[in-house]
C-alpha atoms as a PDB file:
ATOM      1  CA  MET A   1       0.000   0.000   0.000  1.00  0.00           C
ATOM      2  CA  ARG A   2       1.261   3.458  -0.922  1.00  0.00           C
ATOM      3  CA  LYS A   3      -0.750   6.642  -0.545  1.00  0.00           C
ATOM      4  CA  GLU A   4      -0.275  10.364  -0.111  1.00  0.00           C
ATOM      5  CA  ILE A   5      -2.501  12.345   2.212  1.00  0.00           C
ATOM      6  CA  SER A   6      -2.636  15.955   3.313  1.00  0.00           C
ATOM      7  CA  VAL A   7      -2.441  16.701   7.019  1.00  0.00           C
ATOM      8  CA  GLY A   8      -2.437  20.366   7.895  1.00  0.00           C
ATOM      9  CA  SER A   9      -0.018  22.039   5.501  1.00  0.00           C
ATOM     10  CA  SER A  10       2.047  18.882   5.091  1.00  0.00           C
ATOM     11  CA  THR A  11       1.938  15.873   2.808  1.00  0.00           C
ATOM     12  CA  LEU A  12       2.430  12.427   4.294  1.00  0.00           C
ATOM     13  CA  LEU A  13       3.529   9.512   2.127  1.00  0.00           C
ATOM     14  CA  LEU A  14       2.454   6.252   3.761  1.00  0.00           C
ATOM     15  CA  GLU A  15       3.966   2.973   2.566  1.00  0.00           C
ATOM     16  CA  GLN A  16       3.459  -0.454   4.057  1.00  0.00           C
ATOM     17  CA  GLY A  17       3.970  -4.081   3.187  1.00  0.00           C
ATOM     18  CA  GLU A  18       1.466  -6.915   3.266  1.00  0.00           C
ATOM     19  CA  PHE A  19       1.910  -7.668   6.961  1.00  0.00           C
ATOM     20  CA  ALA A  20       2.174  -4.193   8.472  1.00  0.00           C
ATOM     21  CA  GLY A  21       1.653  -3.961  12.220  1.00  0.00           C
ATOM     22  CA  ASP A  22       0.684  -1.100  14.493  1.00  0.00           C
ATOM     23  CA  VAL A  23       4.033   0.744  14.423  1.00  0.00           C
ATOM     24  CA  ALA A  24       4.518   3.821  12.237  1.00  0.00           C
ATOM     25  CA  VAL A  25       7.985   5.219  11.538  1.00  0.00           C
ATOM     26  CA  LEU A  26       7.773   8.930  10.720  1.00  0.00           C
ATOM     27  CA  PHE A  27      10.703  10.461   8.812  1.00  0.00           C
ATOM     28  CA  LEU A  28      11.683  14.150   8.599  1.00  0.00           C
ATOM     29  CA  PRO A  29      14.407  15.220   6.138  1.00  0.00           C
ATOM     30  CA  GLY A  30      17.117  17.846   6.449  1.00  0.00           C
ATOM     31  CA  ILE A  31      16.709  21.508   5.653  1.00  0.00           C
ATOM     32  CA  SER A  32      16.903  20.843   1.894  1.00  0.00           C
ATOM     33  CA  GLY A  33      13.666  18.831   2.117  1.00  0.00           C
ATOM     34  CA  GLY A  34      12.879  16.167  -0.460  1.00  0.00           C
ATOM     35  CA  ALA A  35      11.205  13.767   1.961  1.00  0.00           C
ATOM     36  CA  LEU A  36       9.159  12.228  -0.860  1.00  0.00           C
ATOM     37  CA  SER A  37      12.093  11.945  -3.280  1.00  0.00           C
ATOM     38  CA  ASP A  38      13.689   8.713  -4.449  1.00  0.00           C
ATOM     39  CA  ARG A  39      16.680   9.365  -2.216  1.00  0.00           C
ATOM     40  CA  PHE A  40      14.725   8.244   0.837  1.00  0.00           C
ATOM     41  CA  ALA A  41      12.952   5.319  -0.859  1.00  0.00           C
ATOM     42  CA  PRO A  42      15.570   2.820   0.439  1.00  0.00           C
ATOM     43  CA  LEU A  43      14.804   3.922   4.000  1.00  0.00           C
ATOM     44  CA  ALA A  44      11.094   3.345   3.391  1.00  0.00           C
ATOM     45  CA  GLN A  45      11.895  -0.137   2.043  1.00  0.00           C
ATOM     46  CA  ILE A  46      13.838  -0.971   5.196  1.00  0.00           C
ATOM     47  CA  ILE A  47      10.988   0.196   7.393  1.00  0.00           C
ATOM     48  CA  THR A  48       8.310  -1.739   5.508  1.00  0.00           C
ATOM     49  CA  GLY A  49      10.600  -4.779   5.384  1.00  0.00           C
ATOM     50  CA  LEU A  50      10.571  -4.800   9.176  1.00  0.00           C
ATOM     51  CA  GLY A  51       6.776  -4.930   9.153  1.00  0.00           C
ATOM     52  CA  HIS A  52       6.230  -1.268  10.007  1.00  0.00           C
ATOM     53  CA  THR A  53       4.516   1.522   8.114  1.00  0.00           C
ATOM     54  CA  SER A  54       6.848   4.107   6.622  1.00  0.00           C
ATOM     55  CA  VAL A  55       5.578   7.680   6.812  1.00  0.00           C
ATOM     56  CA  ARG A  56       7.597  10.398   5.075  1.00  0.00           C
ATOM     57  CA  MET A  57       6.627  13.920   6.066  1.00  0.00           C
ATOM     58  CA  HIS A  58       6.894  16.712   3.490  1.00  0.00           C
ATOM     59  CA  ALA A  59       6.500  19.975   5.411  1.00  0.00           C
ATOM     60  CA  TRP A  60       8.888  22.260   3.490  1.00  0.00           C
ATOM     61  CA  GLU A  61      10.062  22.523  -0.110  1.00  0.00           C
ATOM     62  CA  GLY A  62      13.670  23.383   0.619  1.00  0.00           C
ATOM     63  CA  GLU A  63      15.916  25.845   2.417  1.00  0.00           C
ATOM     64  CA  ALA A  64      14.250  28.992   1.068  1.00  0.00           C
ATOM     65  CA  ASP A  65      10.839  27.713   2.173  1.00  0.00           C
ATOM     66  CA  VAL A  66      11.858  26.492   5.611  1.00  0.00           C
ATOM     67  CA  GLN A  67      13.571  29.805   6.357  1.00  0.00           C
ATOM     68  CA  THR A  68      10.158  31.507   6.318  1.00  0.00           C
ATOM     69  CA  LYS A  69       8.714  29.109   8.894  1.00  0.00           C
ATOM     70  CA  THR A  70       8.866  29.078  12.681  1.00  0.00           C
ATOM     71  CA  LEU A  71       9.511  26.228  15.078  1.00  0.00           C
ATOM     72  CA  LYS A  72       5.973  26.645  16.367  1.00  0.00           C
ATOM     73  CA  GLN A  73       4.567  26.060  12.879  1.00  0.00           C
ATOM     74  CA  LEU A  74       6.722  22.989  12.311  1.00  0.00           C
ATOM     75  CA  TYR A  75       5.915  21.451  15.681  1.00  0.00           C
ATOM     76  CA  SER A  76       2.240  22.042  14.959  1.00  0.00           C
ATOM     77  CA  GLU A  77       2.668  20.109  11.710  1.00  0.00           C
ATOM     78  CA  MET A  78       4.421  17.279  13.546  1.00  0.00           C
ATOM     79  CA  GLU A  79       1.690  17.166  16.170  1.00  0.00           C
ATOM     80  CA  ALA A  80      -1.026  16.991  13.514  1.00  0.00           C
ATOM     81  CA  SER A  81       0.794  14.154  11.746  1.00  0.00           C
ATOM     82  CA  VAL A  82       1.294  12.145  14.935  1.00  0.00           C
ATOM     83  CA  GLU A  83      -2.342  12.608  15.947  1.00  0.00           C
ATOM     84  CA  TYR A  84      -3.463  11.521  12.472  1.00  0.00           C
ATOM     85  CA  LEU A  85      -1.454   8.305  12.802  1.00  0.00           C
ATOM     86  CA  LEU A  86      -2.794   7.578  16.273  1.00  0.00           C
ATOM     87  CA  HIS A  87      -6.365   8.227  15.099  1.00  0.00           C
ATOM     88  CA  ASN A  88      -5.822   5.716  12.287  1.00  0.00           C
ATOM     89  CA  GLY A  89      -4.873   2.823  14.522  1.00  0.00           C
ATOM     90  CA  PHE A  90      -1.141   3.097  15.062  1.00  0.00           C
ATOM     91  CA  GLU A  91      -0.282   2.477  18.695  1.00  0.00           C
ATOM     92  CA  GLU A  92       3.430   3.186  18.595  1.00  0.00           C
ATOM     93  CA  ILE A  93       5.438   5.797  16.681  1.00  0.00           C
ATOM     94  CA  VAL A  94       9.159   5.968  16.024  1.00  0.00           C
ATOM     95  CA  LEU A  95      10.694   9.171  14.667  1.00  0.00           C
ATOM     96  CA  ILE A  96      13.676   9.381  12.313  1.00  0.00           C
ATOM     97  CA  GLY A  97      15.174  12.755  11.459  1.00  0.00           C
ATOM     98  CA  LYS A  98      18.059  13.933   9.302  1.00  0.00           C
ATOM     99  CA  SER A  99      20.065  17.007  10.412  1.00  0.00           C
ATOM    100  CA  PHE A 100      17.475  19.795  10.816  1.00  0.00           C
ATOM    101  CA  GLY A 101      14.738  17.173  10.903  1.00  0.00           C
ATOM    102  CA  GLY A 102      16.725  15.363  13.579  1.00  0.00           C
ATOM    103  CA  GLY A 103      16.778  18.493  15.694  1.00  0.00           C
ATOM    104  CA  LEU A 104      13.000  18.766  15.399  1.00  0.00           C
ATOM    105  CA  VAL A 105      12.680  15.101  16.332  1.00  0.00           C
ATOM    106  CA  LEU A 106      14.833  15.414  19.442  1.00  0.00           C
ATOM    107  CA  ALA A 107      12.895  18.361  20.835  1.00  0.00           C
ATOM    108  CA  TYR A 108       9.422  16.940  20.117  1.00  0.00           C
ATOM    109  CA  GLU A 109       7.803  14.813  22.816  1.00  0.00           C
ATOM    110  CA  HIS A 110       4.673  12.703  22.781  1.00  0.00           C
ATOM    111  CA  PRO A 111       3.732   9.757  25.048  1.00  0.00           C
ATOM    112  CA  HIS A 112       3.215   7.427  22.060  1.00  0.00           C
ATOM    113  CA  ILE A 113       6.697   8.049  20.649  1.00  0.00           C
ATOM    114  CA  THR A 114       8.856   5.165  21.801  1.00  0.00           C
ATOM    115  CA  GLY A 115      12.049   5.826  19.869  1.00  0.00           C
ATOM    116  CA  LYS A 116      13.992   8.573  18.108  1.00  0.00           C
ATOM    117  CA  ILE A 117      16.731   7.856  15.578  1.00  0.00           C
ATOM    118  CA  MET A 118      18.613  10.916  14.365  1.00  0.00           C
ATOM    119  CA  TRP A 119      21.193  11.389  11.646  1.00  0.00           C
ATOM    120  CA  ALA A 120      23.578  14.112  12.884  1.00  0.00           C
ATOM    121  CA  PRO A 121      20.823  16.192  14.535  1.00  0.00           C
ATOM    122  CA  ALA A 122      21.168  19.951  14.038  1.00  0.00           C
ATOM    123  CA  ILE A 123      20.290  21.263  17.484  1.00  0.00           C
ATOM    124  CA  GLY A 124      22.385  22.480  20.394  1.00  0.00           C
ATOM    125  CA  VAL A 125      22.405  21.352  23.998  1.00  0.00           C
ATOM    126  CA  SER A 126      23.296  23.297  27.140  1.00  0.00           C
ATOM    127  CA  GLU A 127      22.310  23.796  30.773  1.00  0.00           C
ATOM    128  CA  LYS A 128      19.312  25.932  29.816  1.00  0.00           C
ATOM    129  CA  GLU A 129      16.961  25.567  26.871  1.00  0.00           C
ATOM    130  CA  ASN A 130      16.003  28.512  24.673  1.00  0.00           C
ATOM    131  CA  ILE A 131      13.532  26.796  22.317  1.00  0.00           C
ATOM    132  CA  SER A 132      10.547  28.275  24.142  1.00  0.00           C
ATOM    133  CA  SER A 133      11.845  31.786  23.436  1.00  0.00           C
ATOM    134  CA  LEU A 134      12.473  31.012  19.739  1.00  0.00           C
ATOM    135  CA  LEU A 135       9.165  29.345  18.885  1.00  0.00           C
ATOM    136  CA  THR A 136       7.754  32.280  16.936  1.00  0.00           C
ATOM    137  CA  THR A 137      11.058  33.415  15.378  1.00  0.00           C
ATOM    138  CA  GLN A 138      11.392  32.835  11.647  1.00  0.00           C
ATOM    139  CA  LEU A 139      14.221  30.409  11.033  1.00  0.00           C
ATOM    140  CA  LYS A 140      15.987  32.872   8.746  1.00  0.00           C
ATOM    141  CA  GLU A 141      16.626  34.978  11.862  1.00  0.00           C
ATOM    142  CA  ILE A 142      18.554  32.123  13.516  1.00  0.00           C
ATOM    143  CA  LYS A 143      22.124  32.249  12.185  1.00  0.00           C
ATOM    144  CA  ASN A 144      23.178  28.754  13.267  1.00  0.00           C
ATOM    145  CA  LEU A 145      20.884  25.822  14.027  1.00  0.00           C
ATOM    146  CA  LEU A 146      23.122  24.958  16.976  1.00  0.00           C
ATOM    147  CA  ASP A 147      21.941  28.251  18.495  1.00  0.00           C
ATOM    148  CA  ILE A 148      18.629  26.445  19.100  1.00  0.00           C
ATOM    149  CA  GLN A 149      19.310  24.886  22.488  1.00  0.00           C
ATOM    150  CA  MET A 150      17.731  22.021  24.405  1.00  0.00           C
ATOM    151  CA  SER A 151      18.614  21.509  28.039  1.00  0.00           C
ATOM    152  CA  PHE A 152      20.467  18.471  29.355  1.00  0.00           C
ATOM    153  CA  GLU A 153      17.527  17.866  31.693  1.00  0.00           C
ATOM    154  CA  ASP A 154      14.958  17.820  28.870  1.00  0.00           C
ATOM    155  CA  ILE A 155      16.976  15.142  27.069  1.00  0.00           C
ATOM    156  CA  GLN A 156      17.484  13.109  30.232  1.00  0.00           C
ATOM    157  CA  THR A 157      13.772  13.034  31.045  1.00  0.00           C
ATOM    158  CA  ASP A 158      12.635  12.064  27.529  1.00  0.00           C
ATOM    159  CA  ASP A 159      10.885   8.687  27.801  1.00  0.00           C
ATOM    160  CA  ALA A 160      11.706   7.744  24.196  1.00  0.00           C
ATOM    161  CA  LEU A 161      14.835   5.756  23.444  1.00  0.00           C
ATOM    162  CA  ILE A 162      17.330   8.085  21.780  1.00  0.00           C
ATOM    163  CA  ALA A 163      19.845   6.993  19.145  1.00  0.00           C
ATOM    164  CA  ILE A 164      22.150   9.075  16.948  1.00  0.00           C
ATOM    165  CA  ILE A 165      24.214   8.191  13.868  1.00  0.00           C
ATOM    166  CA  HIS A 166      27.023  10.642  13.109  1.00  0.00           C
ATOM    167  CA  GLY A 167      29.960  10.798  10.717  1.00  0.00           C
ATOM    168  CA  THR A 168      33.479  11.447  11.992  1.00  0.00           C
ATOM    169  CA  THR A 169      34.289  14.057   9.308  1.00  0.00           C
ATOM    170  CA  ASP A 170      31.093  16.090   9.697  1.00  0.00           C
ATOM    171  CA  SER A 171      32.112  19.758   9.356  1.00  0.00           C
ATOM    172  CA  VAL A 172      28.534  21.096   9.619  1.00  0.00           C
ATOM    173  CA  ILE A 173      27.421  19.623  12.950  1.00  0.00           C
ATOM    174  CA  PRO A 174      30.380  18.504  15.089  1.00  0.00           C
ATOM    175  CA  LEU A 175      30.388  14.931  16.334  1.00  0.00           C
ATOM    176  CA  ALA A 176      31.019  16.381  19.795  1.00  0.00           C
ATOM    177  CA  ASN A 177      27.504  17.849  19.741  1.00  0.00           C
ATOM    178  CA  SER A 178      25.945  14.410  19.374  1.00  0.00           C
ATOM    179  CA  GLU A 179      28.260  13.063  22.053  1.00  0.00           C
ATOM    180  CA  LYS A 180      26.909  15.688  24.461  1.00  0.00           C
ATOM    181  CA  ILE A 181      23.323  14.810  23.564  1.00  0.00           C
ATOM    182  CA  ILE A 182      23.861  11.089  24.118  1.00  0.00           C
ATOM    183  CA  ALA A 183      25.738  11.708  27.361  1.00  0.00           C
ATOM    184  CA  SER A 184      22.580  13.428  28.605  1.00  0.00           C
ATOM    185  CA  ALA A 185      20.157  10.733  27.434  1.00  0.00           C
ATOM    186  CA  THR A 186      19.033   7.861  29.598  1.00  0.00           C
ATOM    187  CA  GLY A 187      20.299   4.751  27.810  1.00  0.00           C
ATOM    188  CA  GLY A 188      21.121   6.694  24.646  1.00  0.00           C
ATOM    189  CA  VAL A 189      23.040   5.114  21.764  1.00  0.00           C
ATOM    190  CA  LEU A 190      25.624   6.795  19.524  1.00  0.00           C
ATOM    191  CA  ARG A 191      26.765   4.997  16.373  1.00  0.00           C
ATOM    192  CA  VAL A 192      29.709   6.566  14.565  1.00  0.00           C
ATOM    193  CA  ILE A 193      30.457   6.122  10.861  1.00  0.00           C
ATOM    194  CA  GLU A 194      34.160   6.548  10.199  1.00  0.00           C
ATOM    195  CA  GLY A 195      34.933   8.965   7.374  1.00  0.00           C
ATOM    196  CA  ALA A 196      31.344  10.043   6.729  1.00  0.00           C
ATOM    197  CA  ASP A 197      30.513  13.730   6.383  1.00  0.00           C
ATOM    198  CA  HIS A 198      27.240  15.456   7.222  1.00  0.00           C
ATOM    199  CA  SER A 199      25.366  14.387   4.096  1.00  0.00           C
ATOM    200  CA  PHE A 200      26.250  10.646   4.008  1.00  0.00           C
ATOM    201  CA  LYS A 201      25.889  10.963   0.214  1.00  0.00           C
ATOM    202  CA  LEU A 202      28.741   8.706  -0.865  1.00  0.00           C
ATOM    203  CA  PRO A 203      27.285   5.240  -1.539  1.00  0.00           C
ATOM    204  CA  MET A 204      29.527   3.476   0.986  1.00  0.00           C
ATOM    205  CA  TYR A 205      28.452   5.836   3.773  1.00  0.00           C
ATOM    206  CA  GLU A 206      24.802   5.860   2.780  1.00  0.00           C
ATOM    207  CA  GLU A 207      24.767   2.065   2.822  1.00  0.00           C
ATOM    208  CA  GLU A 208      26.281   2.028   6.310  1.00  0.00           C
ATOM    209  CA  LEU A 209      23.844   4.706   7.452  1.00  0.00           C
ATOM    210  CA  LEU A 210      20.867   2.641   6.291  1.00  0.00           C
ATOM    211  CA  ARG A 211      22.304  -0.584   7.691  1.00  0.00           C
ATOM    212  CA  THR A 212      22.858   1.063  11.068  1.00  0.00           C
ATOM    213  CA  THR A 213      19.379   2.592  11.017  1.00  0.00           C
ATOM    214  CA  LYS A 214      17.914  -0.855  10.401  1.00  0.00           C
ATOM    215  CA  GLU A 215      19.882  -2.304  13.305  1.00  0.00           C
ATOM    216  CA  LEU A 216      18.635   0.446  15.607  1.00  0.00           C
ATOM    217  CA  LEU A 217      15.033  -0.129  14.508  1.00  0.00           C
ATOM    218  CA  GLU A 218      15.458  -3.837  15.189  1.00  0.00           C
ATOM    219  CA  GLY A 219      16.861  -2.959  18.614  1.00  0.00           C
ATOM    220  CA  LEU A 220      13.778  -0.930  19.396  1.00  0.00           C
ATOM    221  CA  GLU A 221      11.629  -3.957  18.573  1.00  0.00           C
ATOM    222  CA  LYS A 222      13.485  -6.042  21.137  1.00  0.00           C
ATOM    223  CA  HIS A 223      13.395  -3.424  23.861  1.00  0.00           C
END
């Protein structure tokens, strides 16, 4: 089954195999968007192969579009998508986010979200959060995504299992940022890909990224 639906201002692409269960895996891309593009089709295939429903969320066209949005708008879109899935029979939701999408994933909480897998999440972490003060600020006014800060305490008290995949040669979001996030998480997992940059675009790194993502999804099933 493959279908596109509109939820709020977003488009959701739902894909599932013949024996799909009650788990939905919701994916958010990086700032360049393209959630529904062929690039992320292999991820959807992995998710459906595990017996889950893949849900790709298209909430922005690209960098120019996302710069006009606010965190409040994007979290409202995420909330609407999660509530749609719950209303349609899914009992458990796992979030996967790439870079900017990973930052959104980390900061979003919902009692039905059991796991978060992030690819080099673009969000900062410090003693005090500042997200609440930036909710209505257009993203173009925020010079660096790492200036959006979660608190160590907010990460520690998140009930979802937190896992991050990060490349060792990432010059956009330092590996040290993900190390700080995982150090704050209760039972968090950090998987490092040697030699990979922020985009994971080289085939060898993309293959390892997808393989590691599959392993983490399988780990969530056993938890």
